[in-house]
């Protein structure tokens, strides 16, 4: 059985060239800047393969903010914060619009589900993410 790592972990656990935590954070941040910029480009959104890239921002926020440190996704949550900050800086308005519309389905991490959260990106989830980000940044 094969599995794939997503996000920052793909750099940390690369058998051929494992990255340090700082290298992985920098690479993950850079990739997320690029994708966030593409998500804001009207020209890029005209290309079917690039349309809707804001959903990757939702994925990044969920990976970083919805999982406890006891989970495989959550153990590196603080390392995802720079990527989250870039998504919010570049495309935060679009991410908020997607969430507040309440129409974007998204499975939840253990912290979100423990708060009684559902499987849709909505205003409550957006507020949860903002509060969780403050918690991670303040340490």
N, C-alpha and C. Protein backbone atom coordinates (compact mmCIF):
# COMPACT_ATOMS: atom_id res chain seq x y z
N UNK A 1 0.84 -1.18 0.00
CA UNK A 1 0.00 0.00 0.00
C UNK A 1 0.88 1.24 0.00
N UNK A 2 0.53 2.20 -0.85
CA UNK A 2 1.31 3.41 -0.97
C UNK A 2 0.55 4.58 -0.37
N UNK A 3 1.26 5.50 0.26
CA UNK A 3 0.62 6.71 0.75
C UNK A 3 1.49 7.89 0.37
N UNK A 4 0.90 9.05 0.36
CA UNK A 4 1.69 10.23 0.04
C UNK A 4 1.59 11.23 1.18
N UNK A 5 2.64 11.96 1.38
CA UNK A 5 2.66 12.99 2.39
C UNK A 5 2.25 14.30 1.74
N UNK A 6 1.55 15.10 2.48
CA UNK A 6 1.10 16.38 1.97
C UNK A 6 1.78 17.48 2.75
N UNK A 7 2.00 18.56 2.07
CA UNK A 7 2.50 19.74 2.75
C UNK A 7 3.94 19.65 3.18
N UNK A 8 4.20 20.32 4.24
CA UNK A 8 5.54 20.44 4.80
C UNK A 8 6.17 19.08 5.06
N UNK A 9 5.39 18.12 5.46
CA UNK A 9 5.90 16.80 5.79
C UNK A 9 6.57 16.12 4.59
N UNK A 10 6.14 16.46 3.40
CA UNK A 10 6.76 15.88 2.20
C UNK A 10 8.24 16.25 2.12
N UNK A 11 8.60 17.41 2.64
CA UNK A 11 10.01 17.82 2.65
C UNK A 11 10.77 17.18 3.81
N UNK A 12 10.12 17.08 4.95
CA UNK A 12 10.80 16.53 6.13
C UNK A 12 11.13 15.06 5.97
N UNK A 13 10.26 14.32 5.29
CA UNK A 13 10.42 12.87 5.22
C UNK A 13 10.85 12.38 3.84
N UNK A 14 11.43 13.27 3.03
CA UNK A 14 11.96 12.91 1.73
C UNK A 14 13.22 12.07 1.97
N UNK A 15 13.18 10.80 1.59
CA UNK A 15 14.30 9.90 1.87
C UNK A 15 15.57 10.29 1.13
N UNK A 16 15.44 10.83 -0.05
CA UNK A 16 16.63 11.18 -0.83
C UNK A 16 17.30 12.45 -0.33
N UNK A 17 16.50 13.39 0.14
CA UNK A 17 17.04 14.67 0.55
C UNK A 17 16.19 15.28 1.66
N UNK A 18 16.27 14.73 2.86
CA UNK A 18 15.43 15.26 3.94
C UNK A 18 15.82 16.70 4.28
N UNK A 19 14.83 17.51 4.55
CA UNK A 19 15.06 18.91 4.90
C UNK A 19 15.02 19.07 6.41
N UNK A 20 15.69 20.10 6.88
CA UNK A 20 15.54 20.47 8.29
C UNK A 20 14.17 21.12 8.43
N UNK A 21 13.74 21.30 9.66
CA UNK A 21 12.45 21.96 9.91
C UNK A 21 12.44 23.35 9.26
N UNK A 22 13.50 24.10 9.43
CA UNK A 22 13.55 25.46 8.88
C UNK A 22 13.52 25.45 7.34
N UNK A 23 14.23 24.52 6.73
CA UNK A 23 14.21 24.41 5.27
C UNK A 23 12.81 24.03 4.78
N UNK A 24 12.20 23.08 5.46
CA UNK A 24 10.86 22.64 5.07
C UNK A 24 9.86 23.77 5.21
N UNK A 25 9.93 24.53 6.29
CA UNK A 25 9.03 25.68 6.49
C UNK A 25 9.20 26.69 5.36
N UNK A 26 10.45 26.97 5.00
CA UNK A 26 10.72 27.95 3.95
C UNK A 26 10.19 27.47 2.59
N UNK A 27 10.42 26.20 2.28
CA UNK A 27 9.94 25.66 1.00
C UNK A 27 8.41 25.64 0.95
N UNK A 28 7.79 25.21 2.03
CA UNK A 28 6.33 25.14 2.09
C UNK A 28 5.72 26.54 1.99
N UNK A 29 6.34 27.50 2.66
CA UNK A 29 5.89 28.89 2.58
C UNK A 29 5.99 29.39 1.14
N UNK A 30 7.10 29.14 0.49
CA UNK A 30 7.31 29.61 -0.89
C UNK A 30 6.28 29.01 -1.85
N UNK A 31 6.04 27.73 -1.74
CA UNK A 31 5.05 27.09 -2.61
C UNK A 31 3.68 27.70 -2.38
N UNK A 32 3.34 27.94 -1.14
CA UNK A 32 2.04 28.51 -0.82
C UNK A 32 1.91 29.96 -1.30
N UNK A 33 2.99 30.72 -1.26
CA UNK A 33 2.96 32.08 -1.83
C UNK A 33 2.63 32.00 -3.31
N UNK A 34 3.32 31.12 -4.02
CA UNK A 34 3.11 30.97 -5.45
C UNK A 34 1.66 30.59 -5.77
N UNK A 35 1.14 29.60 -5.07
CA UNK A 35 -0.22 29.14 -5.34
C UNK A 35 -1.24 30.22 -4.95
N UNK A 36 -1.00 30.91 -3.85
CA UNK A 36 -1.92 31.99 -3.44
C UNK A 36 -1.94 33.10 -4.48
N UNK A 37 -0.78 33.45 -5.00
CA UNK A 37 -0.73 34.48 -6.06
C UNK A 37 -1.48 34.02 -7.31
N UNK A 38 -1.31 32.76 -7.68
CA UNK A 38 -2.06 32.22 -8.82
C UNK A 38 -3.56 32.26 -8.56
N UNK A 39 -3.95 31.99 -7.32
CA UNK A 39 -5.38 31.98 -7.00
C UNK A 39 -6.00 33.36 -7.12
N UNK A 40 -5.18 34.40 -7.04
CA UNK A 40 -5.68 35.78 -7.14
C UNK A 40 -5.58 36.33 -8.57
N UNK A 41 -4.95 35.59 -9.46
CA UNK A 41 -4.75 36.07 -10.82
C UNK A 41 -5.97 35.78 -11.69
N UNK A 42 -6.64 36.82 -12.19
CA UNK A 42 -7.79 36.58 -13.08
C UNK A 42 -7.40 35.78 -14.33
N UNK A 43 -6.20 36.03 -14.85
CA UNK A 43 -5.76 35.29 -16.04
C UNK A 43 -5.57 33.81 -15.72
N UNK A 44 -4.97 33.51 -14.58
CA UNK A 44 -4.77 32.11 -14.19
C UNK A 44 -6.10 31.41 -13.96
N UNK A 45 -7.08 32.13 -13.44
CA UNK A 45 -8.37 31.52 -13.15
C UNK A 45 -9.15 31.18 -14.41
N UNK A 46 -8.71 31.68 -15.56
CA UNK A 46 -9.33 31.34 -16.84
C UNK A 46 -8.85 30.00 -17.36
N UNK A 47 -7.78 29.48 -16.78
CA UNK A 47 -7.23 28.19 -17.18
C UNK A 47 -7.86 27.12 -16.29
N UNK A 48 -8.59 26.17 -16.86
CA UNK A 48 -9.32 25.20 -16.04
C UNK A 48 -8.47 24.51 -14.97
N UNK A 49 -7.25 24.15 -15.30
CA UNK A 49 -6.40 23.45 -14.33
C UNK A 49 -6.00 24.34 -13.15
N UNK A 50 -6.10 25.65 -13.31
CA UNK A 50 -5.70 26.58 -12.25
C UNK A 50 -6.88 27.23 -11.55
N UNK A 51 -8.06 27.07 -12.11
CA UNK A 51 -9.25 27.69 -11.51
C UNK A 51 -9.54 27.05 -10.15
N UNK A 52 -9.93 27.85 -9.21
CA UNK A 52 -10.31 27.33 -7.91
C UNK A 52 -9.15 26.99 -6.99
N UNK A 53 -7.98 27.57 -7.23
CA UNK A 53 -6.83 27.26 -6.39
C UNK A 53 -6.99 27.73 -4.95
N UNK A 54 -7.95 28.59 -4.70
CA UNK A 54 -8.18 29.04 -3.32
C UNK A 54 -8.52 27.88 -2.41
N UNK A 55 -9.05 26.82 -2.96
CA UNK A 55 -9.37 25.65 -2.15
C UNK A 55 -8.11 25.03 -1.54
N UNK A 56 -6.97 25.23 -2.19
CA UNK A 56 -5.72 24.76 -1.59
C UNK A 56 -5.36 25.60 -0.37
N UNK A 57 -5.78 26.85 -0.37
CA UNK A 57 -5.60 27.69 0.82
C UNK A 57 -6.43 27.16 1.97
N UNK A 58 -7.64 26.76 1.68
CA UNK A 58 -8.49 26.17 2.72
C UNK A 58 -7.82 24.91 3.27
N UNK A 59 -7.26 24.12 2.39
CA UNK A 59 -6.58 22.90 2.83
C UNK A 59 -5.40 23.24 3.74
N UNK A 60 -4.63 24.25 3.36
CA UNK A 60 -3.48 24.65 4.16
C UNK A 60 -3.91 25.14 5.54
N UNK A 61 -4.96 25.96 5.59
CA UNK A 61 -5.46 26.44 6.88
C UNK A 61 -5.97 25.28 7.73
N UNK A 62 -6.70 24.38 7.12
CA UNK A 62 -7.22 23.23 7.87
C UNK A 62 -6.08 22.36 8.41
N UNK A 63 -5.08 22.09 7.59
CA UNK A 63 -3.94 21.27 8.03
C UNK A 63 -3.22 21.92 9.20
N UNK A 64 -3.08 23.22 9.15
CA UNK A 64 -2.32 23.93 10.17
C UNK A 64 -3.09 24.17 11.45
N UNK A 65 -4.40 24.34 11.34
CA UNK A 65 -5.15 24.89 12.47
C UNK A 65 -6.17 23.94 13.10
N UNK A 66 -6.45 22.82 12.47
CA UNK A 66 -7.53 21.96 12.97
C UNK A 66 -7.07 20.68 13.65
N UNK A 67 -5.79 20.43 13.71
CA UNK A 67 -5.31 19.16 14.24
C UNK A 67 -4.46 19.36 15.48
N UNK A 68 -4.68 18.51 16.46
CA UNK A 68 -3.91 18.57 17.71
C UNK A 68 -2.51 18.01 17.49
N UNK A 69 -1.61 18.36 18.40
CA UNK A 69 -0.22 17.92 18.30
C UNK A 69 -0.08 16.40 18.40
N UNK A 70 -1.10 15.73 18.89
CA UNK A 70 -1.06 14.27 19.01
C UNK A 70 -1.34 13.56 17.69
N UNK A 71 -1.77 14.29 16.67
CA UNK A 71 -2.07 13.67 15.38
C UNK A 71 -0.87 13.81 14.45
N UNK A 72 -0.82 12.96 13.43
CA UNK A 72 0.30 13.04 12.48
C UNK A 72 0.30 14.36 11.72
N UNK A 73 -0.87 14.90 11.43
CA UNK A 73 -0.95 16.19 10.73
C UNK A 73 -0.60 17.33 11.68
N UNK A 74 -1.08 17.26 12.90
CA UNK A 74 -0.92 18.36 13.84
C UNK A 74 0.42 18.48 14.52
N UNK A 75 1.24 17.44 14.46
CA UNK A 75 2.51 17.50 15.19
C UNK A 75 3.44 18.59 14.65
N UNK A 76 3.24 19.00 13.40
CA UNK A 76 4.05 20.07 12.82
C UNK A 76 3.23 21.34 12.55
N UNK A 77 2.12 21.48 13.25
CA UNK A 77 1.21 22.60 12.97
C UNK A 77 1.90 23.96 13.01
N UNK A 78 2.74 24.17 14.00
CA UNK A 78 3.39 25.47 14.13
C UNK A 78 4.29 25.77 12.92
N UNK A 79 4.77 24.73 12.26
CA UNK A 79 5.61 24.92 11.07
C UNK A 79 4.79 25.37 9.86
N UNK A 80 3.49 25.14 9.90
CA UNK A 80 2.62 25.56 8.80
C UNK A 80 2.21 27.03 8.91
N UNK A 81 2.45 27.64 10.06
CA UNK A 81 1.99 29.01 10.30
C UNK A 81 2.50 30.00 9.26
N UNK A 82 3.77 29.97 8.85
CA UNK A 82 4.21 30.93 7.83
C UNK A 82 3.41 30.82 6.52
N UNK A 83 3.07 29.60 6.12
CA UNK A 83 2.27 29.41 4.90
C UNK A 83 0.86 29.96 5.10
N UNK A 84 0.28 29.72 6.27
CA UNK A 84 -1.05 30.24 6.57
C UNK A 84 -1.04 31.76 6.53
N UNK A 85 -0.03 32.36 7.12
CA UNK A 85 0.06 33.82 7.14
C UNK A 85 0.12 34.39 5.72
N UNK A 86 0.83 33.70 4.83
CA UNK A 86 0.91 34.17 3.44
C UNK A 86 -0.44 34.04 2.74
N UNK A 87 -1.13 32.93 2.95
CA UNK A 87 -2.46 32.78 2.35
C UNK A 87 -3.37 33.90 2.81
N UNK A 88 -3.34 34.21 4.09
CA UNK A 88 -4.22 35.26 4.61
C UNK A 88 -3.82 36.63 4.07
N UNK A 89 -2.53 36.86 3.93
CA UNK A 89 -2.05 38.14 3.39
C UNK A 89 -2.44 38.31 1.92
N UNK A 90 -2.27 37.27 1.15
CA UNK A 90 -2.47 37.36 -0.30
C UNK A 90 -3.92 37.15 -0.70
N UNK A 91 -4.56 36.15 -0.14
CA UNK A 91 -5.90 35.77 -0.61
C UNK A 91 -6.90 35.59 0.54
N UNK A 92 -6.64 36.23 1.66
CA UNK A 92 -7.53 36.09 2.80
C UNK A 92 -8.96 36.47 2.51
N UNK A 93 -9.15 37.49 1.69
CA UNK A 93 -10.52 37.91 1.35
C UNK A 93 -11.27 36.82 0.60
N UNK A 94 -10.59 36.15 -0.30
CA UNK A 94 -11.22 35.06 -1.07
C UNK A 94 -11.49 33.85 -0.18
N UNK A 95 -10.55 33.52 0.69
CA UNK A 95 -10.76 32.39 1.61
C UNK A 95 -11.94 32.68 2.54
N UNK A 96 -11.99 33.89 3.04
CA UNK A 96 -13.11 34.25 3.92
C UNK A 96 -14.43 34.18 3.17
N UNK A 97 -14.44 34.65 1.92
CA UNK A 97 -15.66 34.60 1.11
C UNK A 97 -16.11 33.15 0.91
N UNK A 98 -15.17 32.26 0.60
CA UNK A 98 -15.51 30.85 0.43
C UNK A 98 -16.09 30.25 1.70
N UNK A 99 -15.50 30.62 2.83
CA UNK A 99 -15.96 30.05 4.10
C UNK A 99 -17.31 30.63 4.52
N UNK A 100 -17.43 31.93 4.45
CA UNK A 100 -18.65 32.58 4.92
C UNK A 100 -19.86 32.18 4.07
N UNK A 101 -19.61 31.81 2.82
CA UNK A 101 -20.72 31.38 1.96
C UNK A 101 -21.35 30.09 2.50
N UNK A 102 -20.57 29.30 3.25
CA UNK A 102 -21.09 28.07 3.85
C UNK A 102 -21.37 26.96 2.85
N UNK A 103 -20.78 27.05 1.67
CA UNK A 103 -21.06 26.07 0.62
C UNK A 103 -19.86 25.18 0.30
N UNK A 104 -18.74 25.40 0.97
CA UNK A 104 -17.51 24.67 0.65
C UNK A 104 -17.37 23.47 1.58
N UNK A 105 -17.60 22.25 1.08
CA UNK A 105 -17.46 21.08 1.95
C UNK A 105 -15.99 20.84 2.31
N UNK A 106 -15.76 20.48 3.56
CA UNK A 106 -14.39 20.18 3.98
C UNK A 106 -14.43 19.34 5.24
N UNK A 107 -13.75 18.21 5.22
CA UNK A 107 -13.74 17.37 6.42
C UNK A 107 -12.96 18.09 7.52
N UNK A 108 -13.22 17.73 8.74
CA UNK A 108 -12.63 18.44 9.86
C UNK A 108 -11.53 17.69 10.56
N UNK A 109 -10.61 18.46 11.13
CA UNK A 109 -9.59 17.91 11.98
C UNK A 109 -10.13 17.67 13.38
N UNK A 110 -9.36 16.99 14.20
CA UNK A 110 -9.85 16.61 15.52
C UNK A 110 -10.20 17.80 16.41
N UNK A 111 -9.43 18.89 16.34
CA UNK A 111 -9.75 20.06 17.17
C UNK A 111 -11.05 20.71 16.74
N UNK A 112 -11.25 20.82 15.44
CA UNK A 112 -12.48 21.41 14.91
C UNK A 112 -13.68 20.55 15.26
N UNK A 113 -13.56 19.27 15.07
CA UNK A 113 -14.68 18.37 15.38
C UNK A 113 -14.99 18.36 16.88
N UNK A 114 -13.96 18.49 17.72
CA UNK A 114 -14.17 18.54 19.17
C UNK A 114 -14.95 19.79 19.59
N UNK A 115 -14.86 20.84 18.78
CA UNK A 115 -15.61 22.07 19.04
C UNK A 115 -17.05 21.96 18.55
N UNK A 116 -17.39 20.81 17.98
CA UNK A 116 -18.74 20.63 17.45
C UNK A 116 -18.87 21.07 16.01
N UNK A 117 -17.72 21.31 15.37
CA UNK A 117 -17.72 21.76 13.98
C UNK A 117 -18.18 20.68 13.03
N UNK A 118 -18.70 21.13 11.91
CA UNK A 118 -19.21 20.22 10.91
C UNK A 118 -18.26 20.02 9.75
N UNK A 119 -18.80 19.54 8.66
CA UNK A 119 -18.00 19.21 7.48
C UNK A 119 -18.19 20.21 6.35
N UNK A 120 -18.37 21.46 6.73
CA UNK A 120 -18.47 22.52 5.74
C UNK A 120 -17.65 23.71 6.23
N UNK A 121 -17.09 24.42 5.30
CA UNK A 121 -16.35 25.63 5.65
C UNK A 121 -17.38 26.75 5.79
N UNK A 122 -17.50 27.28 6.98
CA UNK A 122 -18.51 28.31 7.23
C UNK A 122 -17.93 29.40 8.13
N UNK A 123 -18.75 30.35 8.50
CA UNK A 123 -18.28 31.48 9.30
C UNK A 123 -17.73 31.02 10.65
N UNK A 124 -18.36 30.02 11.26
CA UNK A 124 -17.88 29.51 12.55
C UNK A 124 -16.48 28.92 12.40
N UNK A 125 -16.26 28.22 11.31
CA UNK A 125 -14.94 27.62 11.07
C UNK A 125 -13.90 28.70 10.82
N UNK A 126 -14.26 29.72 10.08
CA UNK A 126 -13.36 30.84 9.81
C UNK A 126 -12.93 31.48 11.13
N UNK A 127 -13.88 31.70 12.03
CA UNK A 127 -13.58 32.29 13.34
C UNK A 127 -12.70 31.35 14.17
N UNK A 128 -12.97 30.05 14.09
CA UNK A 128 -12.15 29.06 14.79
C UNK A 128 -10.71 29.14 14.29
N UNK A 129 -10.53 29.19 12.96
CA UNK A 129 -9.18 29.28 12.39
C UNK A 129 -8.45 30.52 12.88
N UNK A 130 -9.14 31.65 12.88
CA UNK A 130 -8.50 32.90 13.31
C UNK A 130 -8.05 32.80 14.77
N UNK A 131 -8.91 32.25 15.63
CA UNK A 131 -8.57 32.09 17.04
C UNK A 131 -7.42 31.11 17.23
N UNK A 132 -7.44 30.03 16.49
CA UNK A 132 -6.38 29.01 16.58
C UNK A 132 -5.05 29.56 16.08
N UNK A 133 -5.08 30.38 15.06
CA UNK A 133 -3.85 31.00 14.56
C UNK A 133 -3.23 31.90 15.62
N UNK A 134 -4.04 32.69 16.28
CA UNK A 134 -3.54 33.53 17.37
C UNK A 134 -2.90 32.67 18.45
N UNK A 135 -3.55 31.56 18.78
CA UNK A 135 -3.03 30.63 19.78
C UNK A 135 -1.66 30.08 19.38
N UNK A 136 -1.50 29.70 18.12
CA UNK A 136 -0.22 29.15 17.66
C UNK A 136 0.87 30.24 17.60
N UNK A 137 0.49 31.42 17.14
CA UNK A 137 1.47 32.50 17.02
C UNK A 137 1.93 32.97 18.39
N UNK A 138 1.01 33.07 19.32
CA UNK A 138 1.36 33.53 20.67
C UNK A 138 2.07 32.45 21.48
N UNK A 139 2.03 31.23 20.97
CA UNK A 139 2.79 30.14 21.55
C UNK A 139 2.22 29.54 22.77
